């Protein structure tokens, strides 16, 4: 939803040049993503995989893409006037799963995000 709108914005904004990050404005770590998905689906969040298994499956890519993570922000897109419809993970997941109100907006999820930010 937001990514398609961003691509249309880039096409319609000739002053934008070079790379434009098509990423969420509020990135989260995998643990927070799993919890949010679990909240939206009303199921436990069980997406854990040991680093050793990831290393066997993906080698160095496991470190670069999955374990260390990337904190890429859509600064150029936002500076050009693009506004995300889904500013939060819970909003995006709820929209993707066709839910108008999600459990992910609960105090439990907000607390999980605050704990992640405090790290």
C-alpha atoms as a PDB file:
ATOM      1  CA  UNK A   1       0.000   0.000   0.000  1.00  0.00           C
ATOM      2  CA  UNK A   2       2.571   2.575   1.131  1.00  0.00           C
ATOM      3  CA  UNK A   3       5.307   1.165  -1.104  1.00  0.00           C
ATOM      4  CA  UNK A   4       3.126   1.457  -4.223  1.00  0.00           C
ATOM      5  CA  UNK A   5       2.179   5.009  -3.224  1.00  0.00           C
ATOM      6  CA  UNK A   6       5.870   5.816  -2.670  1.00  0.00           C
ATOM      7  CA  UNK A   7       6.820   4.504  -6.123  1.00  0.00           C
ATOM      8  CA  UNK A   8       4.064   6.640  -7.673  1.00  0.00           C
ATOM      9  CA  UNK A   9       5.323   9.643  -5.659  1.00  0.00           C
ATOM     10  CA  UNK A  10       8.885   9.106  -6.913  1.00  0.00           C
ATOM     11  CA  UNK A  11       7.676   8.930 -10.515  1.00  0.00           C
ATOM     12  CA  UNK A  12       5.580  12.073 -10.055  1.00  0.00           C
ATOM     13  CA  UNK A  13       8.342  14.040  -8.293  1.00  0.00           C
ATOM     14  CA  UNK A  14      11.011  14.935 -10.864  1.00  0.00           C
ATOM     15  CA  UNK A  15      13.235  16.718  -8.329  1.00  0.00           C
ATOM     16  CA  UNK A  16      13.880  13.367  -6.621  1.00  0.00           C
ATOM     17  CA  UNK A  17      17.007  11.730  -7.963  1.00  0.00           C
ATOM     18  CA  UNK A  18      19.210   8.878  -6.891  1.00  0.00           C
ATOM     19  CA  UNK A  19      18.253   6.188  -4.439  1.00  0.00           C
ATOM     20  CA  UNK A  20      15.085   6.615  -2.390  1.00  0.00           C
ATOM     21  CA  UNK A  21      14.649   4.167   0.471  1.00  0.00           C
ATOM     22  CA  UNK A  22      11.334   2.324   0.312  1.00  0.00           C
ATOM     23  CA  UNK A  23      11.387   1.500   3.999  1.00  0.00           C
ATOM     24  CA  UNK A  24       9.052   2.079   6.909  1.00  0.00           C
ATOM     25  CA  UNK A  25       9.412   5.329   8.859  1.00  0.00           C
ATOM     26  CA  UNK A  26       9.591   3.443  12.166  1.00  0.00           C
ATOM     27  CA  UNK A  27      11.801   0.369  11.742  1.00  0.00           C
ATOM     28  CA  UNK A  28      11.603  -2.355  14.377  1.00  0.00           C
ATOM     29  CA  UNK A  29      13.737  -5.316  15.331  1.00  0.00           C
ATOM     30  CA  UNK A  30      12.636  -8.826  14.428  1.00  0.00           C
ATOM     31  CA  UNK A  31      11.479  -9.556  17.981  1.00  0.00           C
ATOM     32  CA  UNK A  32       9.120  -6.561  17.957  1.00  0.00           C
ATOM     33  CA  UNK A  33       7.882  -7.546  14.482  1.00  0.00           C
ATOM     34  CA  UNK A  34       7.105 -11.073  15.676  1.00  0.00           C
ATOM     35  CA  UNK A  35       5.230  -9.743  18.711  1.00  0.00           C
ATOM     36  CA  UNK A  36       3.231  -7.283  16.612  1.00  0.00           C
ATOM     37  CA  UNK A  37       2.322  -9.982  14.111  1.00  0.00           C
ATOM     38  CA  UNK A  38       1.321 -12.267  16.953  1.00  0.00           C
ATOM     39  CA  UNK A  39      -0.870  -9.546  18.456  1.00  0.00           C
ATOM     40  CA  UNK A  40      -2.578  -8.796  15.140  1.00  0.00           C
ATOM     41  CA  UNK A  41      -3.168 -12.505  14.491  1.00  0.00           C
ATOM     42  CA  UNK A  42      -4.158 -13.116  18.132  1.00  0.00           C
ATOM     43  CA  UNK A  43      -1.511 -15.851  18.371  1.00  0.00           C
ATOM     44  CA  UNK A  44       1.743 -16.299  20.234  1.00  0.00           C
ATOM     45  CA  UNK A  45       4.805 -14.820  18.575  1.00  0.00           C
ATOM     46  CA  UNK A  46       7.059 -17.775  17.810  1.00  0.00           C
ATOM     47  CA  UNK A  47       9.413 -16.741  15.065  1.00  0.00           C
ATOM     48  CA  UNK A  48      12.686 -17.473  16.847  1.00  0.00           C
ATOM     49  CA  UNK A  49      15.523 -19.216  15.063  1.00  0.00           C
ATOM     50  CA  UNK A  50      18.963 -19.803  16.560  1.00  0.00           C
ATOM     51  CA  UNK A  51      21.781 -17.807  14.998  1.00  0.00           C
ATOM     52  CA  UNK A  52      23.681 -21.034  14.320  1.00  0.00           C
ATOM     53  CA  UNK A  53      20.848 -22.282  12.099  1.00  0.00           C
ATOM     54  CA  UNK A  54      20.726 -18.969  10.252  1.00  0.00           C
ATOM     55  CA  UNK A  55      24.487 -19.135   9.711  1.00  0.00           C
ATOM     56  CA  UNK A  56      24.192 -22.638   8.255  1.00  0.00           C
ATOM     57  CA  UNK A  57      21.392 -21.537   5.933  1.00  0.00           C
ATOM     58  CA  UNK A  58      22.644 -18.136   4.813  1.00  0.00           C
ATOM     59  CA  UNK A  59      26.293 -17.830   5.833  1.00  0.00           C
ATOM     60  CA  UNK A  60      27.523 -14.234   6.085  1.00  0.00           C
ATOM     61  CA  UNK A  61      24.206 -12.960   4.742  1.00  0.00           C
ATOM     62  CA  UNK A  62      22.630 -14.047   8.018  1.00  0.00           C
ATOM     63  CA  UNK A  63      24.766 -11.495   9.856  1.00  0.00           C
ATOM     64  CA  UNK A  64      24.305  -8.709   7.336  1.00  0.00           C
ATOM     65  CA  UNK A  65      20.573  -9.080   6.762  1.00  0.00           C
ATOM     66  CA  UNK A  66      19.070 -10.891   9.710  1.00  0.00           C
ATOM     67  CA  UNK A  67      21.175 -10.739  12.833  1.00  0.00           C
ATOM     68  CA  UNK A  68      22.769  -7.301  12.815  1.00  0.00           C
ATOM     69  CA  UNK A  69      19.886  -5.659  11.014  1.00  0.00           C
ATOM     70  CA  UNK A  70      19.799  -2.541   8.938  1.00  0.00           C
ATOM     71  CA  UNK A  71      18.473   0.782  10.142  1.00  0.00           C
ATOM     72  CA  UNK A  72      17.504   2.384   6.863  1.00  0.00           C
ATOM     73  CA  UNK A  73      15.103   5.313   7.020  1.00  0.00           C
ATOM     74  CA  UNK A  74      13.041   6.950   4.250  1.00  0.00           C
ATOM     75  CA  UNK A  75      14.493  10.419   4.894  1.00  0.00           C
ATOM     76  CA  UNK A  76      14.634  11.485   1.244  1.00  0.00           C
ATOM     77  CA  UNK A  77      11.063  10.328   0.594  1.00  0.00           C
ATOM     78  CA  UNK A  78       9.710  12.178   3.616  1.00  0.00           C
ATOM     79  CA  UNK A  79      11.744  15.307   2.855  1.00  0.00           C
ATOM     80  CA  UNK A  80      10.143  15.374  -0.603  1.00  0.00           C
ATOM     81  CA  UNK A  81       6.684  15.521   0.971  1.00  0.00           C
ATOM     82  CA  UNK A  82       5.710  11.850   0.964  1.00  0.00           C
ATOM     83  CA  UNK A  83       3.536  10.884   3.921  1.00  0.00           C
ATOM     84  CA  UNK A  84       3.061   7.294   4.941  1.00  0.00           C
ATOM     85  CA  UNK A  85      -0.479   6.051   5.398  1.00  0.00           C
ATOM     86  CA  UNK A  86       0.819   3.500   7.896  1.00  0.00           C
ATOM     87  CA  UNK A  87       3.295   5.175  10.232  1.00  0.00           C
ATOM     88  CA  UNK A  88       3.388   2.219  12.611  1.00  0.00           C
ATOM     89  CA  UNK A  89       3.937  -1.495  12.225  1.00  0.00           C
ATOM     90  CA  UNK A  90       0.612  -2.319  13.870  1.00  0.00           C
ATOM     91  CA  UNK A  91      -1.243  -0.093  11.405  1.00  0.00           C
ATOM     92  CA  UNK A  92       0.491  -1.691   8.407  1.00  0.00           C
ATOM     93  CA  UNK A  93      -0.046  -5.249   9.626  1.00  0.00           C
ATOM     94  CA  UNK A  94      -3.683  -4.575  10.434  1.00  0.00           C
ATOM     95  CA  UNK A  95      -4.263  -3.126   6.965  1.00  0.00           C
ATOM     96  CA  UNK A  96      -2.456  -6.013   5.273  1.00  0.00           C
ATOM     97  CA  UNK A  97      -4.529  -8.531   7.171  1.00  0.00           C
ATOM     98  CA  UNK A  98      -7.799  -6.665   6.588  1.00  0.00           C
ATOM     99  CA  UNK A  99      -8.409  -5.669  10.179  1.00  0.00           C
ATOM    100  CA  UNK A 100      -9.746  -2.259  11.118  1.00  0.00           C
ATOM    101  CA  UNK A 101      -8.879  -2.453  14.788  1.00  0.00           C
ATOM    102  CA  UNK A 102      -5.980  -4.539  15.918  1.00  0.00           C
ATOM    103  CA  UNK A 103      -4.927  -5.935  19.223  1.00  0.00           C
ATOM    104  CA  UNK A 104      -1.488  -4.650  18.241  1.00  0.00           C
ATOM    105  CA  UNK A 105      -2.553  -1.208  19.421  1.00  0.00           C
ATOM    106  CA  UNK A 106      -2.937  -2.537  22.944  1.00  0.00           C
ATOM    107  CA  UNK A 107      -0.895  -1.404  25.898  1.00  0.00           C
ATOM    108  CA  UNK A 108       1.052  -4.682  25.746  1.00  0.00           C
ATOM    109  CA  UNK A 109       2.313  -3.950  22.233  1.00  0.00           C
ATOM    110  CA  UNK A 110       3.114  -0.345  23.081  1.00  0.00           C
ATOM    111  CA  UNK A 111       5.088  -1.574  26.065  1.00  0.00           C
ATOM    112  CA  UNK A 112       7.012  -4.069  23.880  1.00  0.00           C
ATOM    113  CA  UNK A 113       8.006  -1.283  21.499  1.00  0.00           C
ATOM    114  CA  UNK A 114       9.079   0.971  24.354  1.00  0.00           C
ATOM    115  CA  UNK A 115      11.225  -1.837  25.744  1.00  0.00           C
ATOM    116  CA  UNK A 116      12.853  -2.282  22.338  1.00  0.00           C
ATOM    117  CA  UNK A 117      13.568   1.449  22.009  1.00  0.00           C
ATOM    118  CA  UNK A 118      15.104   1.522  25.484  1.00  0.00           C
ATOM    119  CA  UNK A 119      17.776  -1.040  24.484  1.00  0.00           C
END
